[in-house]
Structures are given as C-alpha cells and as structure tokens.
C-alpha cells in the first residue's frame, strides 16, 4: 500500500516482489516491470501522455528507460507543463 500511495499507483493494480529467478527484461506475459529508480525519478501512474508518446516514437517499453533518461524526460515534461507547453517527440528530437 505504501508503494501505491507514494507513487500514485491505482489500488486495483497488483504489485509483487520478484523472485531471484525473475528478470526485468523477460517479464511474464501479463506483467510490467518497473524499477524503483524509475519511480524515484518521478514516474507516476498513469504515466504522463507525453511520456507514452515518446516511448511509442522511440519503439521502447517503459521498463527499458534507464534512471537518468526517465529523470530527464519526466523533468522536461514538468518544465514544459510549467511553461504552458507540451513536450512532444519532435521537441526531444530537436534537442538531441
């Protein structure tokens, strides 16, 4: 419950602690793996629409984002929102 409260995860989402044999890169078919560092970087649920668009454009899933990438991306989303704008994949493309 603390995880749900601290990171805004809906109460109907079931969370589990992985077994030693589990691997984040090969989750079971109905599972999504999220690292604690991604949550600490500012990822909340549901994820921002801007983040979903960026992930789709890059062709990667949420669990493939590294801590620093997640931290910078969520920070940019917050900065853009603070300025009354929406971060798009095109903005990121022009930045990098």
PDB file of N, CA and C in Angstrom:
ATOM      1  N   UNK A   1       0.802  -1.189   0.000  1.00  0.00           N
ATOM      2  CA  UNK A   1       0.000   0.000   0.000  1.00  0.00           C
ATOM      3  C   UNK A   1       0.852   1.264   0.000  1.00  0.00           C
ATOM      4  N   UNK A   2       2.014   1.236   0.640  1.00  0.00           N
ATOM      5  CA  UNK A   2       2.883   2.407   0.651  1.00  0.00           C
ATOM      6  C   UNK A   2       3.335   2.725  -0.765  1.00  0.00           C
ATOM      7  N   UNK A   3       3.659   1.708  -1.538  1.00  0.00           N
ATOM      8  CA  UNK A   3       4.064   1.897  -2.929  1.00  0.00           C
ATOM      9  C   UNK A   3       2.953   2.563  -3.715  1.00  0.00           C
ATOM     10  N   UNK A   4       1.735   2.093  -3.529  1.00  0.00           N
ATOM     11  CA  UNK A   4       0.583   2.668  -4.230  1.00  0.00           C
ATOM     12  C   UNK A   4       0.401   4.138  -3.851  1.00  0.00           C
ATOM     13  N   UNK A   5       0.518   4.441  -2.572  1.00  0.00           N
ATOM     14  CA  UNK A   5       0.295   5.802  -2.084  1.00  0.00           C
ATOM     15  C   UNK A   5       1.412   6.747  -2.520  1.00  0.00           C
ATOM     16  N   UNK A   6       2.649   6.330  -2.370  1.00  0.00           N
ATOM     17  CA  UNK A   6       3.787   7.198  -2.678  1.00  0.00           C
ATOM     18  C   UNK A   6       3.948   7.473  -4.164  1.00  0.00           C
ATOM     19  N   UNK A   7       3.560   6.524  -5.007  1.00  0.00           N
ATOM     20  CA  UNK A   7       3.792   6.674  -6.441  1.00  0.00           C
ATOM     21  C   UNK A   7       2.509   6.723  -7.251  1.00  0.00           C
ATOM     22  N   UNK A   8       1.378   6.969  -6.585  1.00  0.00           N
ATOM     23  CA  UNK A   8       0.083   7.178  -7.242  1.00  0.00           C
ATOM     24  C   UNK A   8      -0.329   6.005  -8.118  1.00  0.00           C
ATOM     25  N   UNK A   9      -0.039   4.797  -7.665  1.00  0.00           N
ATOM     26  CA  UNK A   9      -0.452   3.596  -8.384  1.00  0.00           C
ATOM     27  C   UNK A   9      -1.860   3.249  -7.922  1.00  0.00           C
ATOM     28  N   UNK A  10      -2.752   3.010  -8.870  1.00  0.00           N
ATOM     29  CA  UNK A  10      -4.137   2.704  -8.527  1.00  0.00           C
ATOM     30  C   UNK A  10      -4.201   1.486  -7.619  1.00  0.00           C
ATOM     31  N   UNK A  11      -5.168   1.476  -6.714  1.00  0.00           N
ATOM     32  CA  UNK A  11      -5.292   0.389  -5.746  1.00  0.00           C
ATOM     33  C   UNK A  11      -5.610  -0.956  -6.373  1.00  0.00           C
ATOM     34  N   UNK A  12      -6.217  -0.968  -7.560  1.00  0.00           N
ATOM     35  CA  UNK A  12      -6.539  -2.252  -8.186  1.00  0.00           C
ATOM     36  C   UNK A  12      -5.363  -2.853  -8.955  1.00  0.00           C
ATOM     37  N   UNK A  13      -4.226  -2.156  -8.991  1.00  0.00           N
ATOM     38  CA  UNK A  13      -3.018  -2.696  -9.622  1.00  0.00           C
ATOM     39  C   UNK A  13      -2.297  -3.555  -8.592  1.00  0.00           C
ATOM     40  N   UNK A  14      -2.055  -4.795  -8.944  1.00  0.00           N
ATOM     41  CA  UNK A  14      -1.390  -5.724  -8.032  1.00  0.00           C
ATOM     42  C   UNK A  14       0.123  -5.617  -8.226  1.00  0.00           C
ATOM     43  N   UNK A  15       0.829  -5.400  -7.138  1.00  0.00           N
ATOM     44  CA  UNK A  15       2.287  -5.342  -7.195  1.00  0.00           C
ATOM     45  C   UNK A  15       2.864  -6.583  -6.527  1.00  0.00           C
ATOM     46  N   UNK A  16       3.976  -7.052  -7.051  1.00  0.00           N
ATOM     47  CA  UNK A  16       4.638  -8.220  -6.468  1.00  0.00           C
ATOM     48  C   UNK A  16       6.139  -7.972  -6.394  1.00  0.00           C
ATOM     49  N   UNK A  17       6.763  -8.645  -5.473  1.00  0.00           N
ATOM     50  CA  UNK A  17       8.217  -8.612  -5.359  1.00  0.00           C
ATOM     51  C   UNK A  17       8.751  -9.743  -6.223  1.00  0.00           C
ATOM     52  N   UNK A  18       9.719  -9.445  -7.092  1.00  0.00           N
ATOM     53  CA  UNK A  18      10.230 -10.501  -7.976  1.00  0.00           C
ATOM     54  C   UNK A  18      10.998 -11.582  -7.216  1.00  0.00           C
ATOM     55  N   UNK A  19      10.980 -12.769  -7.812  1.00  0.00           N
ATOM     56  CA  UNK A  19      11.775 -13.869  -7.269  1.00  0.00           C
ATOM     57  C   UNK A  19      13.206 -13.699  -7.776  1.00  0.00           C
ATOM     58  N   UNK A  20      14.126 -14.382  -7.178  1.00  0.00           N
ATOM     59  CA  UNK A  20      15.528 -14.296  -7.608  1.00  0.00           C
ATOM     60  C   UNK A  20      15.703 -14.730  -9.051  1.00  0.00           C
ATOM     61  N   UNK A  21      14.851 -15.626  -9.515  1.00  0.00           N
ATOM     62  CA  UNK A  21      14.971 -16.132 -10.879  1.00  0.00           C
ATOM     63  C   UNK A  21      14.315 -15.215 -11.914  1.00  0.00           C
ATOM     64  N   UNK A  22      13.511 -14.244 -11.471  1.00  0.00           N
ATOM     65  CA  UNK A  22      12.839 -13.322 -12.393  1.00  0.00           C
ATOM     66  C   UNK A  22      13.829 -12.336 -12.997  1.00  0.00           C
ATOM     67  N   UNK A  23      13.562 -11.937 -14.226  1.00  0.00           N
ATOM     68  CA  UNK A  23      14.393 -10.964 -14.921  1.00  0.00           C
ATOM     69  C   UNK A  23      13.509  -9.859 -15.478  1.00  0.00           C
ATOM     70  N   UNK A  24      13.902  -8.605 -15.274  1.00  0.00           N
ATOM     71  CA  UNK A  24      13.103  -7.463 -15.721  1.00  0.00           C
ATOM     72  C   UNK A  24      12.913  -7.469 -17.232  1.00  0.00           C
ATOM     73  N   UNK A  25      13.895  -7.938 -17.963  1.00  0.00           N
ATOM     74  CA  UNK A  25      13.807  -7.965 -19.425  1.00  0.00           C
ATOM     75  C   UNK A  25      12.910  -9.050 -19.976  1.00  0.00           C
ATOM     76  N   UNK A  26      12.519  -9.999 -19.147  1.00  0.00           N
ATOM     77  CA  UNK A  26      11.651 -11.096 -19.579  1.00  0.00           C
ATOM     78  C   UNK A  26      10.491 -11.281 -18.595  1.00  0.00           C
ATOM     79  N   UNK A  27       9.623 -10.273 -18.477  1.00  0.00           N
ATOM     80  CA  UNK A  27       8.513 -10.420 -17.529  1.00  0.00           C
ATOM     81  C   UNK A  27       7.478 -11.410 -18.047  1.00  0.00           C
ATOM     82  N   UNK A  28       6.713 -12.024 -17.149  1.00  0.00           N
ATOM     83  CA  UNK A  28       5.616 -12.881 -17.591  1.00  0.00           C
ATOM     84  C   UNK A  28       4.650 -12.076 -18.468  1.00  0.00           C
ATOM     85  N   UNK A  29       3.879 -12.735 -19.321  1.00  0.00           N
ATOM     86  CA  UNK A  29       3.030 -12.036 -20.296  1.00  0.00           C
ATOM     87  C   UNK A  29       2.115 -10.936 -19.751  1.00  0.00           C
ATOM     88  N   UNK A  30       1.584 -11.074 -18.557  1.00  0.00           N
ATOM     89  CA  UNK A  30       0.641 -10.064 -18.057  1.00  0.00           C
ATOM     90  C   UNK A  30       1.293  -9.070 -17.097  1.00  0.00           C
ATOM     91  N   UNK A  31       2.618  -9.082 -16.984  1.00  0.00           N
ATOM     92  CA  UNK A  31       3.314  -8.216 -16.046  1.00  0.00           C
ATOM     93  C   UNK A  31       4.055  -7.104 -16.762  1.00  0.00           C
ATOM     94  N   UNK A  32       4.264  -6.017 -16.042  1.00  0.00           N
ATOM     95  CA  UNK A  32       5.077  -4.903 -16.496  1.00  0.00           C
ATOM     96  C   UNK A  32       6.130  -4.687 -15.429  1.00  0.00           C
ATOM     97  N   UNK A  33       7.373  -4.610 -15.820  1.00  0.00           N
ATOM     98  CA  UNK A  33       8.426  -4.401 -14.829  1.00  0.00           C
ATOM     99  C   UNK A  33       8.788  -2.924 -14.773  1.00  0.00           C
ATOM    100  N   UNK A  34       8.879  -2.411 -13.569  1.00  0.00           N
ATOM    101  CA  UNK A  34       9.261  -1.019 -13.333  1.00  0.00           C
ATOM    102  C   UNK A  34      10.328  -1.033 -12.248  1.00  0.00           C
ATOM    103  N   UNK A  35      11.407  -0.307 -12.488  1.00  0.00           N
ATOM    104  CA  UNK A  35      12.447  -0.266 -11.468  1.00  0.00           C
ATOM    105  C   UNK A  35      12.122   0.793 -10.419  1.00  0.00           C
ATOM    106  N   UNK A  36      12.612   0.556  -9.238  1.00  0.00           N
ATOM    107  CA  UNK A  36      12.409   1.518  -8.156  1.00  0.00           C
ATOM    108  C   UNK A  36      13.017   2.859  -8.518  1.00  0.00           C
ATOM    109  N   UNK A  37      14.151   2.826  -9.215  1.00  0.00           N
ATOM    110  CA  UNK A  37      14.799   4.089  -9.586  1.00  0.00           C
ATOM    111  C   UNK A  37      13.938   4.906 -10.548  1.00  0.00           C
ATOM    112  N   UNK A  38      13.177   4.251 -11.408  1.00  0.00           N
ATOM    113  CA  UNK A  38      12.268   4.983 -12.296  1.00  0.00           C
ATOM    114  C   UNK A  38      11.195   5.696 -11.483  1.00  0.00           C
ATOM    115  N   UNK A  39      10.700   5.028 -10.462  1.00  0.00           N
ATOM    116  CA  UNK A  39       9.701   5.649  -9.592  1.00  0.00           C
ATOM    117  C   UNK A  39      10.308   6.824  -8.843  1.00  0.00           C
ATOM    118  N   UNK A  40      11.526   6.652  -8.374  1.00  0.00           N
ATOM    119  CA  UNK A  40      12.200   7.738  -7.661  1.00  0.00           C
ATOM    120  C   UNK A  40      12.536   8.901  -8.598  1.00  0.00           C
ATOM    121  N   UNK A  41      12.670   8.616  -9.901  1.00  0.00           N
ATOM    122  CA  UNK A  41      12.966   9.662 -10.890  1.00  0.00           C
ATOM    123  C   UNK A  41      11.744  10.505 -11.214  1.00  0.00           C
ATOM    124  N   UNK A  42      10.578  10.106 -10.725  1.00  0.00           N
ATOM    125  CA  UNK A  42       9.390  10.906 -10.941  1.00  0.00           C
ATOM    126  C   UNK A  42       8.300  10.231 -11.742  1.00  0.00           C
ATOM    127  N   UNK A  43       8.479   8.970 -12.102  1.00  0.00           N
ATOM    128  CA  UNK A  43       7.447   8.254 -12.841  1.00  0.00           C
ATOM    129  C   UNK A  43       6.280   7.958 -11.910  1.00  0.00           C
ATOM    130  N   UNK A  44       5.085   8.314 -12.321  1.00  0.00           N
ATOM    131  CA  UNK A  44       3.867   8.048 -11.561  1.00  0.00           C
ATOM    132  C   UNK A  44       2.868   7.374 -12.486  1.00  0.00           C
ATOM    133  N   UNK A  45       1.829   6.835 -11.929  1.00  0.00           N
ATOM    134  CA  UNK A  45       0.825   6.133 -12.737  1.00  0.00           C
ATOM    135  C   UNK A  45      -0.522   6.788 -12.598  1.00  0.00           C
ATOM    136  N   UNK A  46      -1.266   6.925 -13.666  1.00  0.00           N
ATOM    137  CA  UNK A  46      -0.848   6.571 -15.025  1.00  0.00           C
ATOM    138  C   UNK A  46       0.263   7.504 -15.490  1.00  0.00           C
ATOM    139  N   UNK A  47       1.141   7.011 -16.373  1.00  0.00           N
ATOM    140  CA  UNK A  47       2.254   7.854 -16.830  1.00  0.00           C
ATOM    141  C   UNK A  47       1.738   9.033 -17.655  1.00  0.00           C
ATOM    142  N   UNK A  48       2.483  10.125 -17.687  1.00  0.00           N
ATOM    143  CA  UNK A  48       2.062  11.279 -18.476  1.00  0.00           C
ATOM    144  C   UNK A  48       1.887  10.904 -19.949  1.00  0.00           C
ATOM    145  N   UNK A  49       0.884  11.492 -20.584  1.00  0.00           N
ATOM    146  CA  UNK A  49       0.616  11.203 -22.003  1.00  0.00           C
ATOM    147  C   UNK A  49       1.840  11.508 -22.870  1.00  0.00           C
ATOM    148  N   UNK A  50       2.580  12.554 -22.497  1.00  0.00           N
ATOM    149  CA  UNK A  50       3.777  12.906 -23.262  1.00  0.00           C
ATOM    150  C   UNK A  50       4.796  11.774 -23.228  1.00  0.00           C
ATOM    151  N   UNK A  51       4.950  11.149 -22.065  1.00  0.00           N
ATOM    152  CA  UNK A  51       5.904  10.052 -21.923  1.00  0.00           C
ATOM    153  C   UNK A  51       5.485   8.864 -22.775  1.00  0.00           C
ATOM    154  N   UNK A  52       4.205   8.563 -22.795  1.00  0.00           N
ATOM    155  CA  UNK A  52       3.701   7.448 -23.605  1.00  0.00           C
ATOM    156  C   UNK A  52       3.993   7.692 -25.090  1.00  0.00           C
ATOM    157  N   UNK A  53       3.768   8.916 -25.565  1.00  0.00           N
ATOM    158  CA  UNK A  53       4.044   9.254 -26.973  1.00  0.00           C
ATOM    159  C   UNK A  53       5.525   9.115 -27.292  1.00  0.00           C
ATOM    160  N   UNK A  54       6.371   9.553 -26.367  1.00  0.00           N
ATOM    161  CA  UNK A  54       7.822   9.454 -26.572  1.00  0.00           C
ATOM    162  C   UNK A  54       8.251   7.989 -26.633  1.00  0.00           C
ATOM    163  N   UNK A  55       7.722   7.173 -25.721  1.00  0.00           N
ATOM    164  CA  UNK A  55       8.055   5.746 -25.723  1.00  0.00           C
ATOM    165  C   UNK A  55       7.634   5.088 -27.027  1.00  0.00           C
ATOM    166  N   UNK A  56       6.428   5.408 -27.500  1.00  0.00           N
ATOM    167  CA  UNK A  56       5.941   4.831 -28.754  1.00  0.00           C
ATOM    168  C   UNK A  56       6.822   5.253 -29.922  1.00  0.00           C
ATOM    169  N   UNK A  57       7.176   6.538 -29.964  1.00  0.00           N
ATOM    170  CA  UNK A  57       8.005   7.047 -31.058  1.00  0.00           C
ATOM    171  C   UNK A  57       9.377   6.382 -31.067  1.00  0.00           C
ATOM    172  N   UNK A  58       9.925   6.148 -29.863  1.00  0.00           N
ATOM    173  CA  UNK A  58      11.252   5.516 -29.751  1.00  0.00           C
ATOM    174  C   UNK A  58      11.191   4.004 -29.932  1.00  0.00           C
ATOM    175  N   UNK A  59       9.979   3.441 -29.869  1.00  0.00           N
ATOM    176  CA  UNK A  59       9.836   1.998 -30.023  1.00  0.00           C
ATOM    177  C   UNK A  59      10.361   1.205 -28.841  1.00  0.00           C
ATOM    178  N   UNK A  60      10.252   1.784 -27.646  1.00  0.00           N
ATOM    179  CA  UNK A  60      10.714   1.090 -26.443  1.00  0.00           C
ATOM    180  C   UNK A  60       9.581   1.009 -25.436  1.00  0.00           C
ATOM    181  N   UNK A  61       9.723   0.094 -24.481  1.00  0.00           N
ATOM    182  CA  UNK A  61       8.729  -0.007 -23.418  1.00  0.00           C
ATOM    183  C   UNK A  61       9.249   0.719 -22.181  1.00  0.00           C
ATOM    184  N   UNK A  62       8.363   0.976 -21.281  1.00  0.00           N
ATOM    185  CA  UNK A  62       8.664   1.743 -20.085  1.00  0.00           C
ATOM    186  C   UNK A  62       9.828   1.169 -19.284  1.00  0.00           C
ATOM    187  N   UNK A  63       9.894  -0.133 -19.183  1.00  0.00           N
ATOM    188  CA  UNK A  63      10.941  -0.754 -18.362  1.00  0.00           C
ATOM    189  C   UNK A  63      12.323  -0.653 -19.006  1.00  0.00           C
ATOM    190  N   UNK A  64      12.408  -0.222 -20.258  1.00  0.00           N
ATOM    191  CA  UNK A  64      13.704  -0.093 -20.922  1.00  0.00           C
ATOM    192  C   UNK A  64      14.353   1.270 -20.682  1.00  0.00           C
ATOM    193  N   UNK A  65      13.599   2.222 -20.141  1.00  0.00           N
ATOM    194  CA  UNK A  65      14.169   3.542 -19.867  1.00  0.00           C
ATOM    195  C   UNK A  65      15.081   3.450 -18.653  1.00  0.00           C
ATOM    196  N   UNK A  66      16.285   3.948 -18.764  1.00  0.00           N
ATOM    197  CA  UNK A  66      17.208   3.982 -17.647  1.00  0.00           C
ATOM    198  C   UNK A  66      16.832   5.108 -16.688  1.00  0.00           C
ATOM    199  N   UNK A  67      17.353   5.040 -15.479  1.00  0.00           N
ATOM    200  CA  UNK A  67      17.039   6.030 -14.443  1.00  0.00           C
ATOM    201  C   UNK A  67      17.287   7.454 -14.936  1.00  0.00           C
ATOM    202  N   UNK A  68      18.445   7.704 -15.504  1.00  0.00           N
ATOM    203  CA  UNK A  68      18.778   9.068 -15.927  1.00  0.00           C
ATOM    204  C   UNK A  68      17.867   9.541 -17.054  1.00  0.00           C
ATOM    205  N   UNK A  69      17.574   8.662 -17.983  1.00  0.00           N
ATOM    206  CA  UNK A  69      16.681   9.024 -19.086  1.00  0.00           C
ATOM    207  C   UNK A  69      15.291   9.335 -18.540  1.00  0.00           C
ATOM    208  N   UNK A  70      14.802   8.505 -17.629  1.00  0.00           N
ATOM    209  CA  UNK A  70      13.483   8.727 -17.036  1.00  0.00           C
ATOM    210  C   UNK A  70      13.473  10.044 -16.271  1.00  0.00           C
ATOM    211  N   UNK A  71      14.510  10.294 -15.492  1.00  0.00           N
ATOM    212  CA  UNK A  71      14.599  11.502 -14.698  1.00  0.00           C
ATOM    213  C   UNK A  71      14.588  12.745 -15.573  1.00  0.00           C
ATOM    214  N   UNK A  72      15.383  12.757 -16.615  1.00  0.00           N
ATOM    215  CA  UNK A  72      15.451  13.905 -17.517  1.00  0.00           C
ATOM    216  C   UNK A  72      14.140  14.080 -18.269  1.00  0.00           C
ATOM    217  N   UNK A  73      13.567  12.990 -18.769  1.00  0.00           N
ATOM    218  CA  UNK A  73      12.327  13.082 -19.537  1.00  0.00           C
ATOM    219  C   UNK A  73      11.174  13.595 -18.679  1.00  0.00           C
ATOM    220  N   UNK A  74      11.002  13.040 -17.494  1.00  0.00           N
ATOM    221  CA  UNK A  74       9.928  13.489 -16.607  1.00  0.00           C
ATOM    222  C   UNK A  74      10.183  14.943 -16.188  1.00  0.00           C
ATOM    223  N   UNK A  75      11.434  15.299 -15.970  1.00  0.00           N
ATOM    224  CA  UNK A  75      11.769  16.685 -15.646  1.00  0.00           C
ATOM    225  C   UNK A  75      11.431  17.639 -16.779  1.00  0.00           C
ATOM    226  N   UNK A  76      11.719  17.233 -18.010  1.00  0.00           N
ATOM    227  CA  UNK A  76      11.378  18.069 -19.170  1.00  0.00           C
ATOM    228  C   UNK A  76       9.867  18.201 -19.331  1.00  0.00           C
ATOM    229  N   UNK A  77       9.152  17.108 -19.097  1.00  0.00           N
ATOM    230  CA  UNK A  77       7.688  17.166 -19.173  1.00  0.00           C
ATOM    231  C   UNK A  77       7.164  18.187 -18.161  1.00  0.00           C
ATOM    232  N   UNK A  78       7.694  18.143 -16.942  1.00  0.00           N
ATOM    233  CA  UNK A  78       7.270  19.084 -15.902  1.00  0.00           C
ATOM    234  C   UNK A  78       7.629  20.519 -16.277  1.00  0.00           C
ATOM    235  N   UNK A  79       8.836  20.716 -16.835  1.00  0.00           N
ATOM    236  CA  UNK A  79       9.257  22.055 -17.242  1.00  0.00           C
ATOM    237  C   UNK A  79       8.356  22.605 -18.342  1.00  0.00           C
ATOM    238  N   UNK A  80       8.083  21.796 -19.346  1.00  0.00           N
ATOM    239  CA  UNK A  80       7.210  22.229 -20.431  1.00  0.00           C
ATOM    240  C   UNK A  80       5.819  22.563 -19.904  1.00  0.00           C
ATOM    241  N   UNK A  81       5.285  21.697 -19.037  1.00  0.00           N
ATOM    242  CA  UNK A  81       3.952  21.960 -18.476  1.00  0.00           C
ATOM    243  C   UNK A  81       3.942  23.251 -17.673  1.00  0.00           C
ATOM    244  N   UNK A  82       5.014  23.496 -16.922  1.00  0.00           N
ATOM    245  CA  UNK A  82       5.119  24.715 -16.127  1.00  0.00           C
ATOM    246  C   UNK A  82       5.100  25.953 -17.015  1.00  0.00           C
ATOM    247  N   UNK A  83       5.614  25.815 -18.222  1.00  0.00           N
ATOM    248  CA  UNK A  83       5.658  26.928 -19.173  1.00  0.00           C
ATOM    249  C   UNK A  83       4.435  26.977 -20.080  1.00  0.00           C
ATOM    250  N   UNK A  84       3.462  26.079 -19.832  1.00  0.00           N
ATOM    251  CA  UNK A  84       2.232  26.078 -20.617  1.00  0.00           C
ATOM    252  C   UNK A  84       2.360  25.397 -21.963  1.00  0.00           C
ATOM    253  N   UNK A  85       3.350  24.522 -22.098  1.00  0.00           N
ATOM    254  CA  UNK A  85       3.574  23.811 -23.365  1.00  0.00           C
ATOM    255  C   UNK A  85       3.527  22.309 -23.127  1.00  0.00           C
ATOM    256  N   UNK A  86       3.525  21.561 -24.214  1.00  0.00           N
ATOM    257  CA  UNK A  86       3.514  20.101 -24.149  1.00  0.00           C
ATOM    258  C   UNK A  86       4.772  19.580 -24.827  1.00  0.00           C
ATOM    259  N   UNK A  87       5.526  18.750 -24.116  1.00  0.00           N
ATOM    260  CA  UNK A  87       6.721  18.130 -24.681  1.00  0.00           C
ATOM    261  C   UNK A  87       6.298  17.074 -25.689  1.00  0.00           C
ATOM    262  N   UNK A  88       6.801  17.162 -26.899  1.00  0.00           N
ATOM    263  CA  UNK A  88       6.484  16.186 -27.946  1.00  0.00           C
ATOM    264  C   UNK A  88       7.755  15.460 -28.351  1.00  0.00           C
ATOM    265  N   UNK A  89       7.615  14.314 -29.022  1.00  0.00           N
ATOM    266  CA  UNK A  89       8.816  13.642 -29.534  1.00  0.00           C
ATOM    267  C   UNK A  89       9.624  14.542 -30.469  1.00  0.00           C
ATOM    268  N   UNK A  90       8.955  15.424 -31.202  1.00  0.00           N
ATOM    269  CA  UNK A  90       9.656  16.339 -32.105  1.00  0.00           C
ATOM    270  C   UNK A  90      10.536  17.311 -31.323  1.00  0.00           C
ATOM    271  N   UNK A  91      10.033  17.794 -30.174  1.00  0.00           N
ATOM    272  CA  UNK A  91      10.851  18.670 -29.326  1.00  0.00           C
ATOM    273  C   UNK A  91      12.122  17.936 -28.892  1.00  0.00           C
ATOM    274  N   UNK A  92      11.954  16.717 -28.439  1.00  0.00           N
ATOM    275  CA  UNK A  92      13.119  15.941 -27.998  1.00  0.00           C
ATOM    276  C   UNK A  92      14.095  15.702 -29.136  1.00  0.00           C
ATOM    277  N   UNK A  93      13.561  15.440 -30.304  1.00  0.00           N
ATOM    278  CA  UNK A  93      14.408  15.210 -31.470  1.00  0.00           C
ATOM    279  C   UNK A  93      15.257  16.434 -31.776  1.00  0.00           C
ATOM    280  N   UNK A  94      14.652  17.623 -31.669  1.00  0.00           N
ATOM    281  CA  UNK A  94      15.382  18.856 -31.926  1.00  0.00           C
ATOM    282  C   UNK A  94      16.424  19.143 -30.842  1.00  0.00           C
ATOM    283  N   UNK A  95      16.162  18.674 -29.623  1.00  0.00           N
ATOM    284  CA  UNK A  95      17.100  18.915 -28.517  1.00  0.00           C
ATOM    285  C   UNK A  95      18.347  18.043 -28.618  1.00  0.00           C
ATOM    286  N   UNK A  96      18.164  16.836 -29.142  1.00  0.00           N
ATOM    287  CA  UNK A  96      19.267  15.886 -29.098  1.00  0.00           C
ATOM    288  C   UNK A  96      19.884  15.644 -30.402  1.00  0.00           C
TER     289      UNK A  96
END
